[in-house]
Amino acid sequence: MSDRLAAIRKVLEGSDDYTVVAMDAKSCYGALKRGCGICCRGKFQDPKVANWLLDPGAKEKNLHRMVHDYLPLEAFLLEGVL
């Protein structure tokens, strides 16, 4: 486990040259910081924020709902994703 954590730390803390794409990136970042002491340095892209920007008054959507709404032909990619 420590080897895996060290590998994650090396990538996320090592450089500003990457972009992390994560659903609810703020929560992911907080969990990494609180649970593992990892301070990420790259850029973050969050589909949840993008969806909110498109329709600020709408009910919050999960990843599956966004795929079905915006990319219905790509829904097969979600097979096996919880």
N, C-alpha and C. Protein backbone atom coordinates (compact mmCIF):
# COMPACT_ATOMS: atom_id res chain seq x y z
N MET A 1 0.82 -1.18 0.00
CA MET A 1 0.00 0.00 0.00
C MET A 1 0.87 1.25 0.00
N SER A 2 1.95 1.23 0.74
CA SER A 2 2.82 2.40 0.79
C SER A 2 3.47 2.68 -0.57
N ASP A 3 3.76 1.63 -1.33
CA ASP A 3 4.32 1.82 -2.68
C ASP A 3 3.31 2.50 -3.60
N ARG A 4 2.06 2.08 -3.50
CA ARG A 4 1.01 2.69 -4.33
C ARG A 4 0.81 4.15 -3.96
N LEU A 5 0.77 4.42 -2.67
CA LEU A 5 0.60 5.80 -2.21
C LEU A 5 1.77 6.67 -2.64
N ALA A 6 2.97 6.13 -2.57
CA ALA A 6 4.16 6.88 -3.01
C ALA A 6 4.09 7.18 -4.51
N ALA A 7 3.59 6.24 -5.30
CA ALA A 7 3.46 6.45 -6.75
C ALA A 7 2.42 7.54 -7.04
N ILE A 8 1.31 7.51 -6.33
CA ILE A 8 0.27 8.53 -6.50
C ILE A 8 0.81 9.89 -6.09
N ARG A 9 1.51 9.94 -4.98
CA ARG A 9 2.09 11.19 -4.49
C ARG A 9 3.09 11.76 -5.50
N LYS A 10 3.91 10.89 -6.08
CA LYS A 10 4.92 11.32 -7.05
C LYS A 10 4.26 12.00 -8.25
N VAL A 11 3.17 11.44 -8.73
CA VAL A 11 2.48 12.01 -9.89
C VAL A 11 1.75 13.30 -9.52
N LEU A 12 0.96 13.27 -8.46
CA LEU A 12 0.10 14.41 -8.13
C LEU A 12 0.83 15.60 -7.51
N GLU A 13 1.94 15.35 -6.84
CA GLU A 13 2.68 16.44 -6.23
C GLU A 13 3.90 16.87 -7.05
N GLY A 14 4.21 16.10 -8.07
CA GLY A 14 5.46 16.31 -8.78
C GLY A 14 5.53 17.45 -9.77
N SER A 15 4.45 17.75 -10.45
CA SER A 15 4.53 18.70 -11.55
C SER A 15 3.19 19.40 -11.75
N ASP A 16 3.25 20.58 -12.36
CA ASP A 16 2.04 21.31 -12.72
C ASP A 16 1.61 21.01 -14.15
N ASP A 17 2.29 20.08 -14.81
CA ASP A 17 2.09 19.85 -16.24
C ASP A 17 0.96 18.88 -16.57
N TYR A 18 0.16 18.49 -15.63
CA TYR A 18 -0.90 17.52 -15.88
C TYR A 18 -2.25 18.13 -15.54
N THR A 19 -3.29 17.47 -16.01
CA THR A 19 -4.65 17.87 -15.70
C THR A 19 -5.39 16.67 -15.14
N VAL A 20 -5.98 16.82 -13.99
CA VAL A 20 -6.78 15.77 -13.36
C VAL A 20 -8.24 16.03 -13.73
N VAL A 21 -8.90 15.02 -14.27
CA VAL A 21 -10.32 15.11 -14.56
C VAL A 21 -11.02 14.19 -13.57
N ALA A 22 -11.85 14.76 -12.72
CA ALA A 22 -12.51 13.98 -11.68
C ALA A 22 -13.90 14.53 -11.40
N MET A 23 -14.84 13.63 -11.27
CA MET A 23 -16.19 14.02 -10.88
C MET A 23 -16.13 14.43 -9.42
N ASP A 24 -16.61 15.60 -9.11
CA ASP A 24 -16.57 16.18 -7.77
C ASP A 24 -15.11 16.29 -7.29
N ALA A 25 -14.32 16.98 -8.09
CA ALA A 25 -12.88 17.12 -7.85
C ALA A 25 -12.58 17.72 -6.48
N LYS A 26 -13.43 18.61 -6.01
CA LYS A 26 -13.20 19.23 -4.71
C LYS A 26 -13.20 18.18 -3.60
N SER A 27 -14.14 17.25 -3.64
CA SER A 27 -14.18 16.18 -2.65
C SER A 27 -12.98 15.24 -2.77
N CYS A 28 -12.61 14.93 -4.03
CA CYS A 28 -11.45 14.06 -4.25
C CYS A 28 -10.18 14.70 -3.70
N TYR A 29 -10.00 16.00 -4.00
CA TYR A 29 -8.84 16.72 -3.51
C TYR A 29 -8.82 16.73 -1.98
N GLY A 30 -9.97 17.01 -1.37
CA GLY A 30 -10.06 17.04 0.10
C GLY A 30 -9.73 15.70 0.72
N ALA A 31 -10.21 14.63 0.12
CA ALA A 31 -9.92 13.29 0.65
C ALA A 31 -8.44 12.96 0.55
N LEU A 32 -7.82 13.32 -0.57
CA LEU A 32 -6.38 13.08 -0.71
C LEU A 32 -5.59 13.89 0.30
N LYS A 33 -5.99 15.13 0.53
CA LYS A 33 -5.30 16.00 1.47
C LYS A 33 -5.47 15.50 2.91
N ARG A 34 -6.71 15.26 3.31
CA ARG A 34 -6.98 14.84 4.70
C ARG A 34 -6.50 13.43 4.98
N GLY A 35 -6.78 12.50 4.05
CA GLY A 35 -6.49 11.10 4.29
C GLY A 35 -5.06 10.69 4.04
N CYS A 36 -4.41 11.34 3.08
CA CYS A 36 -3.08 10.90 2.67
C CYS A 36 -2.02 11.99 2.77
N GLY A 37 -2.43 13.22 3.04
CA GLY A 37 -1.48 14.32 3.11
C GLY A 37 -0.93 14.73 1.76
N ILE A 38 -1.65 14.42 0.68
CA ILE A 38 -1.20 14.75 -0.67
C ILE A 38 -1.76 16.11 -1.08
N CYS A 39 -0.87 17.01 -1.50
CA CYS A 39 -1.28 18.32 -2.01
C CYS A 39 -1.07 18.32 -3.52
N CYS A 40 -2.15 18.22 -4.27
CA CYS A 40 -2.07 18.15 -5.73
C CYS A 40 -1.64 19.49 -6.31
N ARG A 41 -0.84 19.45 -7.39
CA ARG A 41 -0.32 20.67 -7.98
C ARG A 41 -0.86 20.98 -9.35
N GLY A 42 -1.43 20.04 -10.05
CA GLY A 42 -1.87 20.26 -11.42
C GLY A 42 -3.17 21.03 -11.53
N LYS A 43 -3.74 20.98 -12.71
CA LYS A 43 -5.03 21.61 -12.96
C LYS A 43 -6.12 20.56 -12.78
N PHE A 44 -7.30 21.03 -12.39
CA PHE A 44 -8.44 20.14 -12.22
C PHE A 44 -9.55 20.51 -13.18
N GLN A 45 -10.17 19.50 -13.76
CA GLN A 45 -11.38 19.69 -14.56
C GLN A 45 -12.46 18.82 -13.93
N ASP A 46 -13.62 19.42 -13.71
CA ASP A 46 -14.69 18.73 -13.01
C ASP A 46 -15.97 18.78 -13.85
N PRO A 47 -16.42 17.63 -14.38
CA PRO A 47 -17.66 17.61 -15.15
C PRO A 47 -18.86 18.12 -14.35
N LYS A 48 -18.84 17.94 -13.05
CA LYS A 48 -19.93 18.42 -12.20
C LYS A 48 -20.02 19.95 -12.25
N VAL A 49 -18.89 20.63 -12.24
CA VAL A 49 -18.87 22.09 -12.34
C VAL A 49 -19.29 22.51 -13.74
N ALA A 50 -18.81 21.81 -14.77
CA ALA A 50 -19.19 22.13 -16.14
C ALA A 50 -20.71 22.03 -16.31
N ASN A 51 -21.29 20.98 -15.76
CA ASN A 51 -22.74 20.81 -15.85
C ASN A 51 -23.47 21.95 -15.13
N TRP A 52 -22.97 22.35 -13.99
CA TRP A 52 -23.58 23.45 -13.24
C TRP A 52 -23.49 24.75 -14.05
N LEU A 53 -22.36 24.97 -14.72
CA LEU A 53 -22.22 26.18 -15.54
C LEU A 53 -23.23 26.20 -16.69
N LEU A 54 -23.54 25.02 -17.23
CA LEU A 54 -24.51 24.96 -18.32
C LEU A 54 -25.93 25.26 -17.83
N ASP A 55 -26.24 24.84 -16.59
CA ASP A 55 -27.59 25.05 -16.07
C ASP A 55 -27.53 25.18 -14.54
N PRO A 56 -27.22 26.38 -14.04
CA PRO A 56 -27.04 26.59 -12.59
C PRO A 56 -28.27 26.25 -11.75
N GLY A 57 -29.45 26.33 -12.32
CA GLY A 57 -30.66 26.09 -11.54
C GLY A 57 -31.12 24.64 -11.52
N ALA A 58 -30.47 23.78 -12.29
CA ALA A 58 -30.90 22.38 -12.40
C ALA A 58 -30.47 21.57 -11.18
N LYS A 59 -31.15 20.47 -11.01
CA LYS A 59 -30.79 19.52 -9.95
C LYS A 59 -29.41 18.94 -10.27
N GLU A 60 -28.61 18.71 -9.24
CA GLU A 60 -27.27 18.17 -9.43
C GLU A 60 -27.34 16.78 -10.05
N LYS A 61 -26.52 16.55 -11.07
CA LYS A 61 -26.52 15.26 -11.78
C LYS A 61 -25.29 14.45 -11.44
N ASN A 62 -25.44 13.13 -11.56
CA ASN A 62 -24.28 12.26 -11.41
C ASN A 62 -23.68 11.99 -12.80
N LEU A 63 -22.56 11.30 -12.84
CA LEU A 63 -21.86 11.06 -14.09
C LEU A 63 -22.73 10.29 -15.08
N HIS A 64 -23.44 9.27 -14.60
CA HIS A 64 -24.28 8.47 -15.49
C HIS A 64 -25.36 9.33 -16.16
N ARG A 65 -25.98 10.20 -15.39
CA ARG A 65 -27.03 11.06 -15.95
C ARG A 65 -26.46 12.02 -16.99
N MET A 66 -25.28 12.58 -16.70
CA MET A 66 -24.66 13.50 -17.65
C MET A 66 -24.30 12.80 -18.96
N VAL A 67 -23.78 11.58 -18.87
CA VAL A 67 -23.45 10.84 -20.09
C VAL A 67 -24.70 10.58 -20.90
N HIS A 68 -25.77 10.15 -20.24
CA HIS A 68 -27.02 9.87 -20.95
C HIS A 68 -27.62 11.14 -21.55
N ASP A 69 -27.44 12.28 -20.91
CA ASP A 69 -27.99 13.54 -21.43
C ASP A 69 -27.15 14.12 -22.57
N TYR A 70 -25.84 14.09 -22.44
CA TYR A 70 -24.97 14.78 -23.39
C TYR A 70 -24.27 13.87 -24.40
N LEU A 71 -24.04 12.61 -24.03
CA LEU A 71 -23.32 11.68 -24.92
C LEU A 71 -24.03 10.32 -24.96
N PRO A 72 -25.28 10.27 -25.37
CA PRO A 72 -26.03 9.01 -25.30
C PRO A 72 -25.40 7.87 -26.11
N LEU A 73 -24.72 8.18 -27.19
CA LEU A 73 -24.09 7.13 -27.99
C LEU A 73 -22.86 6.52 -27.32
N GLU A 74 -22.35 7.20 -26.30
CA GLU A 74 -21.17 6.71 -25.58
C GLU A 74 -21.54 6.04 -24.25
N ALA A 75 -22.81 5.82 -23.99
CA ALA A 75 -23.26 5.25 -22.72
C ALA A 75 -22.67 3.87 -22.45
N PHE A 76 -22.33 3.14 -23.50
CA PHE A 76 -21.74 1.81 -23.31
C PHE A 76 -20.43 1.89 -22.52
N LEU A 77 -19.76 3.04 -22.51
CA LEU A 77 -18.50 3.18 -21.78
C LEU A 77 -18.70 3.10 -20.27
N LEU A 78 -19.94 3.28 -19.82
CA LEU A 78 -20.23 3.25 -18.39
C LEU A 78 -20.48 1.86 -17.85
N GLU A 79 -20.51 0.86 -18.73
CA GLU A 79 -20.72 -0.51 -18.27
C GLU A 79 -19.65 -0.91 -17.26
N GLY A 80 -20.07 -1.38 -16.12
CA GLY A 80 -19.15 -1.79 -15.08
C GLY A 80 -18.70 -0.67 -14.15
N VAL A 81 -19.13 0.57 -14.43
CA VAL A 81 -18.78 1.70 -13.57
C VAL A 81 -19.91 1.89 -12.58
N LEU A 82 -19.55 1.96 -11.31
CA LEU A 82 -20.58 2.14 -10.28
C LEU A 82 -21.10 3.54 -10.24
